[in-house]
Amino acid sequence: MAMRNFYKEIKGLKVKELPGYLKPMFSVSYAKNAFQRGLDNYHAKYIETSSIDPLYHVCFGGMALSYLLALPEERRHLEHLQHAREHGGH
């Protein structure tokens, strides 16, 4: 949805106008404001409504993070097993 709105906004601009339009979006203050708006929207949508969804977000986010952090070790382990099978070990 945000990409669609962004596209609608820049669709009418000329190429020369585009850098001037995009430059303020790459400032620290713009990023802080965008992050704060996102937190405010999340709070209004989930926290204020006493929804159980934030608990799901924490659980599934923790699972995904755990998987991603363990992935390099698992890949090394699987490569070691494959190498051992090729050379008669294990």
N, C-alpha and C. Protein backbone atom coordinates (compact mmCIF):
# COMPACT_ATOMS: atom_id res chain seq x y z
N MET A 1 0.82 -1.19 0.00
CA MET A 1 0.00 0.00 0.00
C MET A 1 0.87 1.26 0.00
N ALA A 2 1.92 1.26 0.80
CA ALA A 2 2.80 2.42 0.86
C ALA A 2 3.50 2.63 -0.48
N MET A 3 3.90 1.53 -1.12
CA MET A 3 4.56 1.66 -2.42
C MET A 3 3.61 2.23 -3.46
N ARG A 4 2.36 1.84 -3.38
CA ARG A 4 1.37 2.36 -4.34
C ARG A 4 1.20 3.86 -4.15
N ASN A 5 1.12 4.30 -2.90
CA ASN A 5 0.99 5.74 -2.62
C ASN A 5 2.24 6.48 -3.08
N PHE A 6 3.41 5.91 -2.82
CA PHE A 6 4.66 6.53 -3.24
C PHE A 6 4.70 6.66 -4.77
N TYR A 7 4.28 5.61 -5.47
CA TYR A 7 4.26 5.65 -6.93
C TYR A 7 3.32 6.73 -7.44
N LYS A 8 2.15 6.85 -6.82
CA LYS A 8 1.20 7.88 -7.22
C LYS A 8 1.77 9.27 -7.03
N GLU A 9 2.56 9.45 -5.94
CA GLU A 9 3.14 10.75 -5.67
C GLU A 9 4.22 11.12 -6.69
N ILE A 10 5.05 10.17 -7.08
CA ILE A 10 6.15 10.52 -7.99
C ILE A 10 5.77 10.40 -9.46
N LYS A 11 4.61 9.83 -9.72
CA LYS A 11 4.19 9.62 -11.11
C LYS A 11 4.11 10.93 -11.88
N GLY A 12 3.65 11.99 -11.26
CA GLY A 12 3.49 13.26 -11.94
C GLY A 12 4.73 14.12 -11.97
N LEU A 13 5.80 13.70 -11.31
CA LEU A 13 7.02 14.50 -11.27
C LEU A 13 7.87 14.30 -12.52
N LYS A 14 8.64 15.33 -12.85
CA LYS A 14 9.61 15.21 -13.92
C LYS A 14 10.88 14.63 -13.33
N VAL A 15 11.74 14.06 -14.17
CA VAL A 15 12.96 13.43 -13.70
C VAL A 15 13.84 14.43 -12.94
N LYS A 16 13.88 15.68 -13.39
CA LYS A 16 14.70 16.70 -12.73
C LYS A 16 14.18 17.00 -11.33
N GLU A 17 12.89 16.85 -11.10
CA GLU A 17 12.28 17.17 -9.81
C GLU A 17 12.43 16.03 -8.80
N LEU A 18 12.70 14.84 -9.28
CA LEU A 18 12.74 13.65 -8.41
C LEU A 18 13.80 13.72 -7.31
N PRO A 19 15.07 14.12 -7.59
CA PRO A 19 16.04 14.19 -6.49
C PRO A 19 15.63 15.17 -5.39
N GLY A 20 15.08 16.29 -5.76
CA GLY A 20 14.62 17.26 -4.77
C GLY A 20 13.48 16.73 -3.93
N TYR A 21 12.66 15.88 -4.52
CA TYR A 21 11.54 15.28 -3.79
C TYR A 21 12.03 14.17 -2.86
N LEU A 22 13.02 13.39 -3.30
CA LEU A 22 13.49 12.24 -2.52
C LEU A 22 14.51 12.62 -1.44
N LYS A 23 15.27 13.69 -1.63
CA LYS A 23 16.35 14.02 -0.71
C LYS A 23 15.89 14.17 0.74
N PRO A 24 14.80 14.85 1.03
CA PRO A 24 14.37 14.96 2.43
C PRO A 24 14.01 13.61 3.06
N MET A 25 13.67 12.63 2.25
CA MET A 25 13.28 11.31 2.76
C MET A 25 14.48 10.53 3.29
N PHE A 26 15.68 10.95 2.98
CA PHE A 26 16.88 10.25 3.43
C PHE A 26 17.56 10.95 4.59
N SER A 27 16.82 11.79 5.30
CA SER A 27 17.39 12.48 6.46
C SER A 27 17.07 11.68 7.72
N VAL A 28 17.84 11.92 8.76
CA VAL A 28 17.65 11.22 10.03
C VAL A 28 16.31 11.60 10.65
N SER A 29 15.95 12.86 10.57
CA SER A 29 14.69 13.29 11.18
C SER A 29 13.49 12.65 10.47
N TYR A 30 13.55 12.51 9.15
CA TYR A 30 12.47 11.86 8.43
C TYR A 30 12.36 10.39 8.84
N ALA A 31 13.50 9.72 8.99
CA ALA A 31 13.49 8.31 9.41
C ALA A 31 12.93 8.18 10.82
N LYS A 32 13.31 9.09 11.72
CA LYS A 32 12.77 9.06 13.09
C LYS A 32 11.26 9.26 13.09
N ASN A 33 10.80 10.23 12.30
CA ASN A 33 9.36 10.49 12.23
C ASN A 33 8.61 9.31 11.63
N ALA A 34 9.16 8.69 10.60
CA ALA A 34 8.52 7.55 9.98
C ALA A 34 8.45 6.38 10.96
N PHE A 35 9.53 6.16 11.70
CA PHE A 35 9.55 5.09 12.70
C PHE A 35 8.52 5.36 13.80
N GLN A 36 8.44 6.60 14.25
CA GLN A 36 7.48 6.97 15.29
C GLN A 36 6.04 6.79 14.79
N ARG A 37 5.78 7.17 13.53
CA ARG A 37 4.44 6.97 12.97
C ARG A 37 4.10 5.49 12.92
N GLY A 38 5.10 4.66 12.55
CA GLY A 38 4.86 3.22 12.52
C GLY A 38 4.54 2.66 13.89
N LEU A 39 5.28 3.12 14.91
CA LEU A 39 4.99 2.68 16.28
C LEU A 39 3.61 3.15 16.73
N ASP A 40 3.27 4.38 16.40
CA ASP A 40 1.94 4.90 16.77
C ASP A 40 0.83 4.10 16.10
N ASN A 41 1.02 3.78 14.80
CA ASN A 41 0.01 2.98 14.09
C ASN A 41 -0.11 1.59 14.69
N TYR A 42 1.02 0.97 15.03
CA TYR A 42 1.00 -0.36 15.64
C TYR A 42 0.29 -0.31 16.99
N HIS A 43 0.60 0.70 17.77
CA HIS A 43 -0.03 0.84 19.08
C HIS A 43 -1.54 1.00 18.94
N ALA A 44 -1.96 1.84 18.01
CA ALA A 44 -3.39 2.06 17.82
C ALA A 44 -4.09 0.81 17.31
N LYS A 45 -3.42 0.05 16.45
CA LYS A 45 -4.06 -1.12 15.83
C LYS A 45 -4.09 -2.33 16.75
N TYR A 46 -3.04 -2.55 17.55
CA TYR A 46 -2.96 -3.78 18.32
C TYR A 46 -3.03 -3.57 19.83
N ILE A 47 -2.31 -2.61 20.37
CA ILE A 47 -2.23 -2.45 21.81
C ILE A 47 -3.52 -1.87 22.38
N GLU A 48 -4.02 -0.82 21.75
CA GLU A 48 -5.23 -0.17 22.25
C GLU A 48 -6.46 -1.07 22.13
N THR A 49 -6.44 -2.01 21.22
CA THR A 49 -7.60 -2.89 21.02
C THR A 49 -7.51 -4.15 21.86
N SER A 50 -6.47 -4.28 22.69
CA SER A 50 -6.25 -5.46 23.54
C SER A 50 -6.21 -6.74 22.71
N SER A 51 -5.60 -6.66 21.55
CA SER A 51 -5.47 -7.81 20.66
C SER A 51 -4.37 -8.74 21.15
N ILE A 52 -4.49 -10.02 20.80
CA ILE A 52 -3.46 -11.00 21.16
C ILE A 52 -2.35 -11.04 20.10
N ASP A 53 -2.54 -10.35 19.01
CA ASP A 53 -1.58 -10.37 17.91
C ASP A 53 -0.15 -9.98 18.31
N PRO A 54 0.08 -9.00 19.20
CA PRO A 54 1.47 -8.71 19.58
C PRO A 54 2.19 -9.91 20.19
N LEU A 55 1.47 -10.74 20.92
CA LEU A 55 2.08 -11.95 21.47
C LEU A 55 2.50 -12.89 20.33
N TYR A 56 1.65 -13.02 19.33
CA TYR A 56 2.01 -13.83 18.16
C TYR A 56 3.21 -13.23 17.44
N HIS A 57 3.25 -11.92 17.32
CA HIS A 57 4.37 -11.27 16.65
C HIS A 57 5.69 -11.56 17.36
N VAL A 58 5.66 -11.51 18.70
CA VAL A 58 6.87 -11.79 19.47
C VAL A 58 7.27 -13.25 19.31
N CYS A 59 6.30 -14.16 19.41
CA CYS A 59 6.60 -15.59 19.30
C CYS A 59 7.16 -15.96 17.92
N PHE A 60 6.46 -15.58 16.89
CA PHE A 60 6.90 -15.94 15.54
C PHE A 60 8.16 -15.17 15.15
N GLY A 61 8.29 -13.93 15.60
CA GLY A 61 9.51 -13.17 15.34
C GLY A 61 10.70 -13.80 16.03
N GLY A 62 10.50 -14.28 17.26
CA GLY A 62 11.57 -14.97 17.98
C GLY A 62 11.96 -16.26 17.30
N MET A 63 10.97 -17.00 16.81
CA MET A 63 11.28 -18.24 16.09
C MET A 63 12.08 -17.95 14.82
N ALA A 64 11.66 -16.95 14.07
CA ALA A 64 12.35 -16.60 12.83
C ALA A 64 13.78 -16.13 13.12
N LEU A 65 13.94 -15.30 14.14
CA LEU A 65 15.27 -14.82 14.51
C LEU A 65 16.16 -15.97 14.96
N SER A 66 15.61 -16.87 15.76
CA SER A 66 16.37 -18.03 16.22
C SER A 66 16.82 -18.89 15.05
N TYR A 67 15.93 -19.11 14.10
CA TYR A 67 16.26 -19.90 12.92
C TYR A 67 17.38 -19.23 12.12
N LEU A 68 17.26 -17.92 11.91
CA LEU A 68 18.27 -17.21 11.13
C LEU A 68 19.62 -17.18 11.82
N LEU A 69 19.63 -17.09 13.15
CA LEU A 69 20.89 -17.08 13.86
C LEU A 69 21.56 -18.46 13.87
N ALA A 70 20.76 -19.53 13.85
CA ALA A 70 21.30 -20.88 13.87
C ALA A 70 21.65 -21.40 12.48
N LEU A 71 21.17 -20.73 11.45
CA LEU A 71 21.34 -21.20 10.08
C LEU A 71 22.81 -21.38 9.66
N PRO A 72 23.71 -20.44 9.92
CA PRO A 72 25.10 -20.65 9.50
C PRO A 72 25.73 -21.90 10.13
N GLU A 73 25.46 -22.14 11.39
CA GLU A 73 26.00 -23.32 12.06
C GLU A 73 25.43 -24.60 11.45
N GLU A 74 24.14 -24.59 11.16
CA GLU A 74 23.52 -25.76 10.53
C GLU A 74 24.12 -26.03 9.15
N ARG A 75 24.34 -24.97 8.39
CA ARG A 75 24.92 -25.14 7.06
C ARG A 75 26.33 -25.72 7.14
N ARG A 76 27.13 -25.23 8.10
CA ARG A 76 28.47 -25.79 8.29
C ARG A 76 28.39 -27.26 8.66
N HIS A 77 27.46 -27.60 9.53
CA HIS A 77 27.29 -28.99 9.96
C HIS A 77 26.91 -29.88 8.77
N LEU A 78 25.96 -29.43 7.96
CA LEU A 78 25.53 -30.22 6.81
C LEU A 78 26.64 -30.36 5.78
N GLU A 79 27.43 -29.30 5.56
CA GLU A 79 28.56 -29.40 4.64
C GLU A 79 29.60 -30.38 5.15
N HIS A 80 29.82 -30.39 6.45
CA HIS A 80 30.76 -31.34 7.04
C HIS A 80 30.28 -32.78 6.83
N LEU A 81 28.98 -33.02 7.06
CA LEU A 81 28.43 -34.37 6.85
C LEU A 81 28.56 -34.79 5.40
N GLN A 82 28.27 -33.88 4.49
CA GLN A 82 28.35 -34.21 3.07
C GLN A 82 29.81 -34.51 2.69
N HIS A 83 30.72 -33.73 3.18
CA HIS A 83 32.13 -33.95 2.90
C HIS A 83 32.59 -35.29 3.47
N ALA A 84 32.12 -35.62 4.66
CA ALA A 84 32.50 -36.90 5.29
C ALA A 84 31.94 -38.08 4.50
N ARG A 85 30.73 -37.96 3.98
CA ARG A 85 30.13 -39.05 3.20
C ARG A 85 30.89 -39.27 1.89
N GLU A 86 31.34 -38.18 1.28
CA GLU A 86 32.07 -38.27 0.02
C GLU A 86 33.43 -38.96 0.20
N HIS A 87 34.01 -38.78 1.37
CA HIS A 87 35.36 -39.30 1.60
C HIS A 87 35.40 -40.49 2.55
N GLY A 88 34.25 -41.13 2.74
CA GLY A 88 34.21 -42.38 3.49
C GLY A 88 34.17 -42.26 4.99
N GLY A 89 34.01 -41.08 5.53
CA GLY A 89 33.89 -40.92 6.98
C GLY A 89 32.45 -41.10 7.42
N HIS A 90 32.21 -41.02 8.71
CA HIS A 90 30.87 -41.13 9.32
C HIS A 90 30.20 -42.36 8.82
